[in-house]
Amino acid sequence: MLNLGMTEIFCFAVIALLVLGPDKLPEAARFVAKWYGKIKKFINNIQNEIDRELRLSEFREEMQKEIDKITELERRMQQQLDALKNTQTPSEVEEVKVETKGPTTYTLFSQQAIIPFSLEYQKQLPFKLESNVPTQQFDTELKIAV
């Protein structure tokens, strides 16, 4: 840290012994060691704070990149939905309304799921939904476990 060799340290020890004397030298050594420890702890705390702030700023940058990606995906999806709305003819809209009266089922990853879709969202799907599932009543009440 200070690039002191053994000869420099020995010279400082001899000068301290001559100036302070043998009775005050141990007390001065404790005082110097105590302050050296405090300064070292202070420097370590500052380094830890700087490292934490750097990690936090990197995390913020990563979060901003992810938010930008999500925003771009949302924009693309909205464009696709708008294009799908524009390409649908009124007769197709009527077919979708007639076909999707109740809960609908479709296969996702080789598993069937029953989902109560509103007609507004069913019109926007790029595929036709099957409605061969018996009508079920869905519980729309929100239940919160305490």
Protein backbone atom coordinates (compact mmCIF):
# COMPACT_ATOMS: atom_id res chain seq x y z
CA MET A 1 0.00 0.00 0.00
CA LEU A 2 2.67 2.49 0.98
CA ASN A 3 5.53 0.49 -0.56
CA LEU A 4 7.56 0.45 2.66
CA GLY A 5 10.45 -1.94 2.94
CA MET A 6 11.96 -3.47 6.07
CA THR A 7 14.65 -0.79 6.32
CA GLU A 8 12.11 2.07 6.26
CA ILE A 9 9.96 0.39 8.92
CA PHE A 10 13.04 -0.21 11.08
CA CYS A 11 14.06 3.47 10.74
CA PHE A 12 10.54 4.61 11.79
CA ALA A 13 10.66 2.27 14.81
CA VAL A 14 14.06 3.64 15.92
CA ILE A 15 12.91 7.25 15.50
CA ALA A 16 9.65 6.52 17.40
CA LEU A 17 11.61 4.86 20.20
CA LEU A 18 13.97 7.86 20.48
CA VAL A 19 11.18 10.48 20.32
CA LEU A 20 8.53 8.81 22.50
CA GLY A 21 10.67 6.75 24.80
CA PRO A 22 10.11 3.17 25.92
CA ASP A 23 7.22 3.98 28.29
CA LYS A 24 4.96 5.81 25.75
CA LEU A 25 5.77 3.66 22.69
CA PRO A 26 3.22 0.84 23.39
CA GLU A 27 0.44 3.40 23.94
CA ALA A 28 1.32 5.19 20.67
CA ALA A 29 1.40 1.85 18.81
CA ARG A 30 -2.13 0.98 20.09
CA PHE A 31 -3.37 4.42 19.06
CA VAL A 32 -1.94 4.08 15.54
CA ALA A 33 -3.30 0.53 15.18
CA LYS A 34 -6.78 1.64 16.31
CA TRP A 35 -6.91 4.47 13.78
CA TYR A 36 -5.48 2.26 11.04
CA GLY A 37 -8.31 -0.22 11.68
CA LYS A 38 -10.95 2.54 11.58
CA ILE A 39 -9.60 3.97 8.33
CA LYS A 40 -9.40 0.52 6.75
CA LYS A 41 -13.00 -0.26 7.79
CA PHE A 42 -14.15 3.11 6.40
CA ILE A 43 -12.43 2.45 3.05
CA ASN A 44 -13.97 -1.05 2.85
CA ASN A 45 -17.44 0.39 3.53
CA ILE A 46 -17.01 2.94 0.75
CA GLN A 47 -15.86 0.22 -1.66
CA ASN A 48 -18.89 -1.93 -0.75
CA GLU A 49 -21.23 1.02 -1.31
CA ILE A 50 -19.71 1.72 -4.72
CA ASP A 51 -19.97 -1.96 -5.71
CA ARG A 52 -23.59 -2.09 -4.59
CA GLU A 53 -24.47 1.04 -6.55
CA LEU A 54 -22.78 -0.38 -9.66
CA ARG A 55 -24.75 -3.63 -9.36
CA LEU A 56 -27.94 -1.63 -8.83
CA SER A 57 -27.32 0.49 -11.92
CA GLU A 58 -26.58 -2.65 -13.98
CA PHE A 59 -29.81 -4.20 -12.69
CA ARG A 60 -31.73 -1.07 -13.66
CA GLU A 61 -30.26 -1.20 -17.16
CA GLU A 62 -31.25 -4.86 -17.51
CA MET A 63 -34.76 -4.07 -16.29
CA GLN A 64 -35.08 -1.21 -18.76
CA LYS A 65 -33.98 -3.50 -21.60
CA GLU A 66 -36.61 -6.08 -20.58
CA ILE A 67 -39.29 -3.38 -20.36
CA ASP A 68 -38.33 -2.21 -23.85
CA LYS A 69 -38.59 -5.78 -25.15
CA ILE A 70 -42.02 -6.20 -23.57
CA THR A 71 -43.18 -2.88 -24.98
CA GLU A 72 -41.99 -3.91 -28.45
CA LEU A 73 -43.78 -7.25 -28.18
CA GLU A 74 -46.94 -5.51 -27.03
CA ARG A 75 -46.73 -3.13 -29.99
CA ARG A 76 -46.26 -6.01 -32.44
CA MET A 77 -49.16 -7.91 -30.91
CA GLN A 78 -51.40 -4.87 -31.18
CA GLN A 79 -50.42 -4.46 -34.83
CA GLN A 80 -51.24 -8.11 -35.49
CA LEU A 81 -54.60 -7.75 -33.76
CA ASP A 82 -55.38 -4.65 -35.78
CA ALA A 83 -54.41 -6.44 -39.00
CA LEU A 84 -56.58 -9.40 -38.01
CA LYS A 85 -59.54 -7.12 -37.32
CA ASN A 86 -59.10 -5.46 -40.70
CA THR A 87 -58.90 -8.76 -42.61
CA GLN A 88 -62.05 -10.27 -41.05
CA THR A 89 -65.26 -9.87 -43.05
CA PRO A 90 -68.65 -9.29 -41.37
CA SER A 91 -69.78 -12.85 -42.23
CA GLU A 92 -66.75 -14.31 -40.41
CA VAL A 93 -67.58 -12.20 -37.38
CA GLU A 94 -71.14 -13.60 -37.38
CA GLU A 95 -69.80 -17.17 -37.69
CA VAL A 96 -67.57 -16.64 -34.68
CA LYS A 97 -70.50 -15.23 -32.68
CA VAL A 98 -72.72 -18.20 -33.56
CA GLU A 99 -70.08 -20.83 -32.88
CA THR A 100 -68.88 -19.54 -29.50
CA LYS A 101 -71.92 -19.33 -27.27
CA GLY A 102 -70.50 -21.16 -24.21
CA PRO A 103 -67.15 -22.05 -22.74
CA THR A 104 -64.68 -23.11 -25.37
CA THR A 105 -61.91 -25.65 -25.46
CA TYR A 106 -58.70 -25.72 -27.39
CA THR A 107 -55.56 -27.78 -27.24
CA LEU A 108 -52.40 -26.23 -25.94
CA PHE A 109 -49.32 -28.43 -25.55
CA SER A 110 -51.45 -31.60 -25.97
CA GLN A 111 -53.70 -30.68 -23.04
CA GLN A 112 -57.28 -29.49 -23.27
CA ALA A 113 -58.34 -26.42 -21.36
CA ILE A 114 -61.82 -24.98 -20.83
CA ILE A 115 -61.75 -21.22 -20.86
CA PRO A 116 -64.68 -18.79 -20.67
CA PHE A 117 -63.69 -16.36 -23.40
CA SER A 118 -65.65 -13.23 -24.13
CA LEU A 119 -66.83 -12.86 -27.69
CA GLU A 120 -64.71 -9.78 -28.21
CA TYR A 121 -61.49 -11.73 -27.66
CA GLN A 122 -62.69 -14.82 -29.52
CA LYS A 123 -63.16 -12.75 -32.66
CA GLN A 124 -59.50 -11.73 -32.56
CA LEU A 125 -58.08 -15.26 -32.43
CA PRO A 126 -56.30 -16.48 -35.59
CA PHE A 127 -57.96 -19.94 -35.30
CA LYS A 128 -61.52 -21.15 -34.78
CA LEU A 129 -62.46 -22.50 -31.40
CA GLU A 130 -64.34 -25.78 -30.88
CA SER A 131 -67.49 -25.50 -28.83
CA ASN A 132 -68.32 -29.19 -28.34
CA VAL A 133 -67.87 -28.97 -24.56
CA PRO A 134 -71.06 -29.03 -22.44
CA THR A 135 -71.97 -25.67 -20.98
CA GLN A 136 -70.63 -25.18 -17.47
CA GLN A 137 -71.21 -22.40 -15.02
CA PHE A 138 -67.97 -20.70 -14.05
CA ASP A 139 -67.51 -19.29 -10.59
CA THR A 140 -66.56 -15.66 -11.11
CA GLU A 141 -66.30 -14.83 -7.41
CA LEU A 142 -62.86 -13.87 -6.20
CA LYS A 143 -61.80 -16.03 -3.27
CA ILE A 144 -58.94 -14.93 -1.08
CA ALA A 145 -57.31 -17.32 1.38
CA VAL A 146 -56.31 -15.76 4.64
